[in-house]
Every structure is written in C-alpha cells, then in structure tokens.
C-alpha cells in the first residue's frame, strides 16, 4: 500500500543587509492536497515553492523600498 500525501508545507526565508543592519523576512504556507488520482505531487510542490519564494521576494523588495524613502 502506497502512502498518500494529504498536505505539504514550504517555508522560504531571506536575509538582506541594508546599511549596517541585517533584516530577515520569512513566509510559510501549508496546503491540503485533495485525495484525487490526477494530482501530481511534484507540480503541487513546485507551485507551493513558487508561491512562498515569490512572497519572500516581495517582502524583501518592500523592505528595500522602505529604506529608500
């Protein structure tokens, strides 16, 4: 009997140095995976990684823009 994945979770984190200080941003998300046969777990993982990494990229950009003002 094969194990069934029912949820996946990913966390992304980045640190940036602005002037003389370091700032860390992080985002985590968990997704429930429906128990249907046409779900491709590799695709679900890739989409989740894209989501969390994009969110962290946006947080970093916002942080940098805050210090430019």
PDB file of N, CA and C in Angstrom:
ATOM      1  N   UNK A   1       0.853  -1.191   0.000  1.00  0.00           N
ATOM      2  CA  UNK A   1       0.000   0.000   0.000  1.00  0.00           C
ATOM      3  C   UNK A   1       0.890   1.243   0.000  1.00  0.00           C
ATOM      4  N   UNK A   2       0.622   2.146  -0.896  1.00  0.00           N
ATOM      5  CA  UNK A   2       1.406   3.366  -1.048  1.00  0.00           C
ATOM      6  C   UNK A   2       0.873   4.466  -0.136  1.00  0.00           C
ATOM      7  N   UNK A   3       1.783   5.249   0.453  1.00  0.00           N
ATOM      8  CA  UNK A   3       1.376   6.363   1.318  1.00  0.00           C
ATOM      9  C   UNK A   3       0.715   7.451   0.477  1.00  0.00           C
ATOM     10  N   UNK A   4      -0.269   8.109   1.062  1.00  0.00           N
ATOM     11  CA  UNK A   4      -0.982   9.189   0.383  1.00  0.00           C
ATOM     12  C   UNK A   4      -0.607  10.500   1.060  1.00  0.00           C
ATOM     13  N   UNK A   5      -0.123  11.435   0.273  1.00  0.00           N
ATOM     14  CA  UNK A   5       0.221  12.743   0.810  1.00  0.00           C
ATOM     15  C   UNK A   5      -1.056  13.555   0.923  1.00  0.00           C
ATOM     16  N   UNK A   6      -1.325  14.055   2.135  1.00  0.00           N
ATOM     17  CA  UNK A   6      -2.552  14.813   2.340  1.00  0.00           C
ATOM     18  C   UNK A   6      -2.295  16.302   2.518  1.00  0.00           C
ATOM     19  N   UNK A   7      -1.043  16.681   2.841  1.00  0.00           N
ATOM     20  CA  UNK A   7      -0.717  18.094   2.924  1.00  0.00           C
ATOM     21  C   UNK A   7       0.775  18.280   2.708  1.00  0.00           C
ATOM     22  N   UNK A   8       1.118  19.462   2.216  1.00  0.00           N
ATOM     23  CA  UNK A   8       2.514  19.828   2.037  1.00  0.00           C
ATOM     24  C   UNK A   8       2.715  21.214   2.628  1.00  0.00           C
ATOM     25  N   UNK A   9       3.946  21.491   3.030  1.00  0.00           N
ATOM     26  CA  UNK A   9       4.259  22.780   3.622  1.00  0.00           C
ATOM     27  C   UNK A   9       5.622  23.228   3.118  1.00  0.00           C
ATOM     28  N   UNK A  10       5.757  24.529   2.904  1.00  0.00           N
ATOM     29  CA  UNK A  10       7.045  25.084   2.490  1.00  0.00           C
ATOM     30  C   UNK A  10       7.264  26.398   3.233  1.00  0.00           C
ATOM     31  N   UNK A  11       8.527  26.670   3.520  1.00  0.00           N
ATOM     32  CA  UNK A  11       8.923  27.909   4.170  1.00  0.00           C
ATOM     33  C   UNK A  11      10.090  28.488   3.396  1.00  0.00           C
ATOM     34  N   UNK A  12      10.036  29.778   3.170  1.00  0.00           N
ATOM     35  CA  UNK A  12      11.133  30.466   2.497  1.00  0.00           C
ATOM     36  C   UNK A  12      11.574  31.617   3.397  1.00  0.00           C
ATOM     37  N   UNK A  13      12.877  31.878   3.393  1.00  0.00           N
ATOM     38  CA  UNK A  13      13.427  32.926   4.241  1.00  0.00           C
ATOM     39  C   UNK A  13      14.593  33.575   3.500  1.00  0.00           C
ATOM     40  N   UNK A  14      14.741  34.874   3.714  1.00  0.00           N
ATOM     41  CA  UNK A  14      15.870  35.585   3.117  1.00  0.00           C
ATOM     42  C   UNK A  14      16.331  36.658   4.084  1.00  0.00           C
ATOM     43  N   UNK A  15      17.630  36.894   4.090  1.00  0.00           N
ATOM     44  CA  UNK A  15      18.208  37.976   4.882  1.00  0.00           C
ATOM     45  C   UNK A  15      18.874  38.955   3.938  1.00  0.00           C
ATOM     46  N   UNK A  16      18.701  40.230   4.241  1.00  0.00           N
ATOM     47  CA  UNK A  16      19.328  41.274   3.433  1.00  0.00           C
ATOM     48  C   UNK A  16      20.021  42.268   4.358  1.00  0.00           C
ATOM     49  N   UNK A  17      21.129  42.801   3.875  1.00  0.00           N
ATOM     50  CA  UNK A  17      21.840  43.828   4.633  1.00  0.00           C
ATOM     51  C   UNK A  17      21.487  45.174   4.028  1.00  0.00           C
ATOM     52  N   UNK A  18      20.975  46.040   4.866  1.00  0.00           N
ATOM     53  CA  UNK A  18      20.644  47.397   4.453  1.00  0.00           C
ATOM     54  C   UNK A  18      21.399  48.327   5.385  1.00  0.00           C
ATOM     55  N   UNK A  19      22.262  49.137   4.797  1.00  0.00           N
ATOM     56  CA  UNK A  19      23.174  49.971   5.578  1.00  0.00           C
ATOM     57  C   UNK A  19      24.015  49.064   6.467  1.00  0.00           C
ATOM     58  N   UNK A  20      23.940  49.214   7.767  1.00  0.00           N
ATOM     59  CA  UNK A  20      24.749  48.390   8.669  1.00  0.00           C
ATOM     60  C   UNK A  20      23.930  47.334   9.406  1.00  0.00           C
ATOM     61  N   UNK A  21      22.691  47.103   8.994  1.00  0.00           N
ATOM     62  CA  UNK A  21      21.821  46.174   9.705  1.00  0.00           C
ATOM     63  C   UNK A  21      21.359  45.053   8.774  1.00  0.00           C
ATOM     64  N   UNK A  22      21.127  43.909   9.366  1.00  0.00           N
ATOM     65  CA  UNK A  22      20.579  42.767   8.628  1.00  0.00           C
ATOM     66  C   UNK A  22      19.102  42.600   8.981  1.00  0.00           C
ATOM     67  N   UNK A  23      18.302  42.290   7.984  1.00  0.00           N
ATOM     68  CA  UNK A  23      16.867  42.072   8.165  1.00  0.00           C
ATOM     69  C   UNK A  23      16.519  40.717   7.547  1.00  0.00           C
ATOM     70  N   UNK A  24      15.684  39.983   8.248  1.00  0.00           N
ATOM     71  CA  UNK A  24      15.257  38.675   7.761  1.00  0.00           C
ATOM     72  C   UNK A  24      13.746  38.680   7.586  1.00  0.00           C
ATOM     73  N   UNK A  25      13.306  38.181   6.445  1.00  0.00           N
ATOM     74  CA  UNK A  25      11.873  38.015   6.192  1.00  0.00           C
ATOM     75  C   UNK A  25      11.613  36.539   5.931  1.00  0.00           C
ATOM     76  N   UNK A  26      10.409  36.125   6.242  1.00  0.00           N
ATOM     77  CA  UNK A  26      10.068  34.706   6.119  1.00  0.00           C
ATOM     78  C   UNK A  26       8.594  34.565   5.791  1.00  0.00           C
ATOM     79  N   UNK A  27       8.286  33.509   5.040  1.00  0.00           N
ATOM     80  CA  UNK A  27       6.894  33.190   4.739  1.00  0.00           C
ATOM     81  C   UNK A  27       6.748  31.676   4.697  1.00  0.00           C
ATOM     82  N   UNK A  28       5.667  31.188   5.281  1.00  0.00           N
ATOM     83  CA  UNK A  28       5.393  29.753   5.305  1.00  0.00           C
ATOM     84  C   UNK A  28       3.941  29.538   4.906  1.00  0.00           C
ATOM     85  N   UNK A  29       3.712  28.457   4.186  1.00  0.00           N
ATOM     86  CA  UNK A  29       2.349  28.132   3.779  1.00  0.00           C
ATOM     87  C   UNK A  29       2.182  26.618   3.761  1.00  0.00           C
ATOM     88  N   UNK A  30       1.001  26.189   4.152  1.00  0.00           N
ATOM     89  CA  UNK A  30       0.665  24.769   4.129  1.00  0.00           C
ATOM     90  C   UNK A  30      -0.542  24.594   3.222  1.00  0.00           C
ATOM     91  N   UNK A  31      -0.525  23.549   2.432  1.00  0.00           N
ATOM     92  CA  UNK A  31      -1.649  23.268   1.534  1.00  0.00           C
ATOM     93  C   UNK A  31      -2.148  21.851   1.744  1.00  0.00           C
ATOM     94  N   UNK A  32      -3.456  21.729   1.764  1.00  0.00           N
ATOM     95  CA  UNK A  32      -4.074  20.411   1.822  1.00  0.00           C
ATOM     96  C   UNK A  32      -4.181  19.882   0.398  1.00  0.00           C
ATOM     97  N   UNK A  33      -3.858  18.634   0.229  1.00  0.00           N
ATOM     98  CA  UNK A  33      -3.886  18.004  -1.090  1.00  0.00           C
ATOM     99  C   UNK A  33      -5.108  17.093  -1.154  1.00  0.00           C
ATOM    100  N   UNK A  34      -6.008  17.346  -2.092  1.00  0.00           N
ATOM    101  CA  UNK A  34      -7.197  16.501  -2.190  1.00  0.00           C
ATOM    102  C   UNK A  34      -6.818  15.079  -2.632  1.00  0.00           C
ATOM    103  N   UNK A  35      -7.571  14.131  -2.170  1.00  0.00           N
ATOM    104  CA  UNK A  35      -7.301  12.717  -2.484  1.00  0.00           C
ATOM    105  C   UNK A  35      -7.942  12.349  -3.817  1.00  0.00           C
ATOM    106  N   UNK A  36      -7.389  12.879  -4.888  1.00  0.00           N
ATOM    107  CA  UNK A  36      -7.849  12.524  -6.231  1.00  0.00           C
ATOM    108  C   UNK A  36      -6.655  11.993  -7.008  1.00  0.00           C
ATOM    109  N   UNK A  37      -6.897  11.129  -7.932  1.00  0.00           N
ATOM    110  CA  UNK A  37      -5.824  10.424  -8.618  1.00  0.00           C
ATOM    111  C   UNK A  37      -5.043  11.266  -9.609  1.00  0.00           C
ATOM    112  N   UNK A  38      -5.611  12.351 -10.118  1.00  0.00           N
ATOM    113  CA  UNK A  38      -4.905  13.122 -11.143  1.00  0.00           C
ATOM    114  C   UNK A  38      -3.997  14.223 -10.575  1.00  0.00           C
ATOM    115  N   UNK A  39      -3.816  14.255  -9.273  1.00  0.00           N
ATOM    116  CA  UNK A  39      -2.909  15.229  -8.638  1.00  0.00           C
ATOM    117  C   UNK A  39      -1.466  14.764  -8.844  1.00  0.00           C
ATOM    118  N   UNK A  40      -0.633  15.669  -9.328  1.00  0.00           N
ATOM    119  CA  UNK A  40       0.795  15.387  -9.486  1.00  0.00           C
ATOM    120  C   UNK A  40       1.514  16.136  -8.370  1.00  0.00           C
ATOM    121  N   UNK A  41       1.994  15.391  -7.381  1.00  0.00           N
ATOM    122  CA  UNK A  41       2.601  15.997  -6.200  1.00  0.00           C
ATOM    123  C   UNK A  41       3.783  16.889  -6.572  1.00  0.00           C
ATOM    124  N   UNK A  42       4.592  16.488  -7.526  1.00  0.00           N
ATOM    125  CA  UNK A  42       5.736  17.317  -7.930  1.00  0.00           C
ATOM    126  C   UNK A  42       5.263  18.686  -8.418  1.00  0.00           C
ATOM    127  N   UNK A  43       4.157  18.726  -9.148  1.00  0.00           N
ATOM    128  CA  UNK A  43       3.610  20.006  -9.612  1.00  0.00           C
ATOM    129  C   UNK A  43       3.089  20.836  -8.447  1.00  0.00           C
ATOM    130  N   UNK A  44       2.415  20.185  -7.512  1.00  0.00           N
ATOM    131  CA  UNK A  44       1.896  20.882  -6.329  1.00  0.00           C
ATOM    132  C   UNK A  44       3.046  21.480  -5.521  1.00  0.00           C
ATOM    133  N   UNK A  45       4.120  20.713  -5.337  1.00  0.00           N
ATOM    134  CA  UNK A  45       5.286  21.219  -4.600  1.00  0.00           C
ATOM    135  C   UNK A  45       5.912  22.405  -5.313  1.00  0.00           C
ATOM    136  N   UNK A  46       6.078  22.306  -6.614  1.00  0.00           N
ATOM    137  CA  UNK A  46       6.685  23.389  -7.399  1.00  0.00           C
ATOM    138  C   UNK A  46       5.850  24.667  -7.279  1.00  0.00           C
ATOM    139  N   UNK A  47       4.539  24.526  -7.367  1.00  0.00           N
ATOM    140  CA  UNK A  47       3.658  25.690  -7.239  1.00  0.00           C
ATOM    141  C   UNK A  47       3.763  26.299  -5.842  1.00  0.00           C
ATOM    142  N   UNK A  48       3.833  25.450  -4.828  1.00  0.00           N
ATOM    143  CA  UNK A  48       3.950  25.951  -3.464  1.00  0.00           C
ATOM    144  C   UNK A  48       5.280  26.671  -3.258  1.00  0.00           C
ATOM    145  N   UNK A  49       6.380  26.082  -3.760  1.00  0.00           N
ATOM    146  CA  UNK A  49       7.689  26.743  -3.662  1.00  0.00           C
ATOM    147  C   UNK A  49       7.664  28.084  -4.378  1.00  0.00           C
ATOM    148  N   UNK A  50       7.064  28.131  -5.553  1.00  0.00           N
ATOM    149  CA  UNK A  50       6.965  29.398  -6.278  1.00  0.00           C
ATOM    150  C   UNK A  50       6.208  30.436  -5.459  1.00  0.00           C
ATOM    151  N   UNK A  51       5.139  30.019  -4.819  1.00  0.00           N
ATOM    152  CA  UNK A  51       4.326  30.934  -4.015  1.00  0.00           C
ATOM    153  C   UNK A  51       5.122  31.499  -2.844  1.00  0.00           C
ATOM    154  N   UNK A  52       5.752  30.622  -2.057  1.00  0.00           N
ATOM    155  CA  UNK A  52       6.462  31.114  -0.866  1.00  0.00           C
ATOM    156  C   UNK A  52       7.699  31.923  -1.254  1.00  0.00           C
ATOM    157  N   UNK A  53       8.406  31.506  -2.287  1.00  0.00           N
ATOM    158  CA  UNK A  53       9.587  32.275  -2.714  1.00  0.00           C
ATOM    159  C   UNK A  53       9.193  33.640  -3.264  1.00  0.00           C
ATOM    160  N   UNK A  54       8.114  33.707  -4.033  1.00  0.00           N
ATOM    161  CA  UNK A  54       7.639  34.993  -4.550  1.00  0.00           C
ATOM    162  C   UNK A  54       7.211  35.919  -3.420  1.00  0.00           C
ATOM    163  N   UNK A  55       6.566  35.368  -2.414  1.00  0.00           N
ATOM    164  CA  UNK A  55       6.144  36.184  -1.265  1.00  0.00           C
ATOM    165  C   UNK A  55       7.353  36.776  -0.555  1.00  0.00           C
ATOM    166  N   UNK A  56       8.385  35.983  -0.346  1.00  0.00           N
ATOM    167  CA  UNK A  56       9.603  36.487   0.309  1.00  0.00           C
ATOM    168  C   UNK A  56      10.276  37.531  -0.577  1.00  0.00           C
ATOM    169  N   UNK A  57      10.323  37.295  -1.874  1.00  0.00           N
ATOM    170  CA  UNK A  57      10.902  38.287  -2.789  1.00  0.00           C
ATOM    171  C   UNK A  57      10.167  39.618  -2.681  1.00  0.00           C
ATOM    172  N   UNK A  58       8.845  39.579  -2.590  1.00  0.00           N
ATOM    173  CA  UNK A  58       8.051  40.800  -2.446  1.00  0.00           C
ATOM    174  C   UNK A  58       8.326  41.478  -1.108  1.00  0.00           C
ATOM    175  N   UNK A  59       8.470  40.696  -0.037  1.00  0.00           N
ATOM    176  CA  UNK A  59       8.783  41.266   1.268  1.00  0.00           C
ATOM    177  C   UNK A  59      10.144  41.964   1.242  1.00  0.00           C
ATOM    178  N   UNK A  60      11.119  41.337   0.608  1.00  0.00           N
ATOM    179  CA  UNK A  60      12.454  41.935   0.503  1.00  0.00           C
ATOM    180  C   UNK A  60      12.367  43.239  -0.288  1.00  0.00           C
ATOM    181  N   UNK A  61      11.658  43.239  -1.411  1.00  0.00           N
ATOM    182  CA  UNK A  61      11.524  44.439  -2.226  1.00  0.00           C
ATOM    183  C   UNK A  61      10.836  45.557  -1.430  1.00  0.00           C
ATOM    184  N   UNK A  62       9.797  45.213  -0.668  1.00  0.00           N
ATOM    185  CA  UNK A  62       9.118  46.211   0.165  1.00  0.00           C
ATOM    186  C   UNK A  62      10.063  46.786   1.219  1.00  0.00           C
ATOM    187  N   UNK A  63      10.847  45.920   1.827  1.00  0.00           N
ATOM    188  CA  UNK A  63      11.792  46.356   2.852  1.00  0.00           C
ATOM    189  C   UNK A  63      12.834  47.299   2.256  1.00  0.00           C
ATOM    190  N   UNK A  64      13.378  46.937   1.123  1.00  0.00           N
ATOM    191  CA  UNK A  64      14.372  47.794   0.456  1.00  0.00           C
ATOM    192  C   UNK A  64      13.757  49.140   0.083  1.00  0.00           C
ATOM    193  N   UNK A  65      12.538  49.115  -0.456  1.00  0.00           N
ATOM    194  CA  UNK A  65      11.866  50.357  -0.828  1.00  0.00           C
ATOM    195  C   UNK A  65      11.576  51.244   0.379  1.00  0.00           C
ATOM    196  N   UNK A  66      11.309  50.641   1.520  1.00  0.00           N
ATOM    197  CA  UNK A  66      11.064  51.406   2.743  1.00  0.00           C
ATOM    198  C   UNK A  66      12.292  52.232   3.114  1.00  0.00           C
ATOM    199  N   UNK A  67      13.467  51.667   2.943  1.00  0.00           N
ATOM    200  CA  UNK A  67      14.677  52.372   3.317  1.00  0.00           C
ATOM    201  C   UNK A  67      15.148  53.355   2.248  1.00  0.00           C
ATOM    202  N   UNK A  68      14.600  53.275   1.054  1.00  0.00           N
ATOM    203  CA  UNK A  68      14.938  54.229   0.008  1.00  0.00           C
ATOM    204  C   UNK A  68      14.220  55.547   0.179  1.00  0.00           C
ATOM    205  N   UNK A  69      13.122  55.544   0.907  1.00  0.00           N
ATOM    206  CA  UNK A  69      12.283  56.749   1.070  1.00  0.00           C
ATOM    207  C   UNK A  69      12.928  57.749   1.985  1.00  0.00           C
TER     208      UNK A  69
END
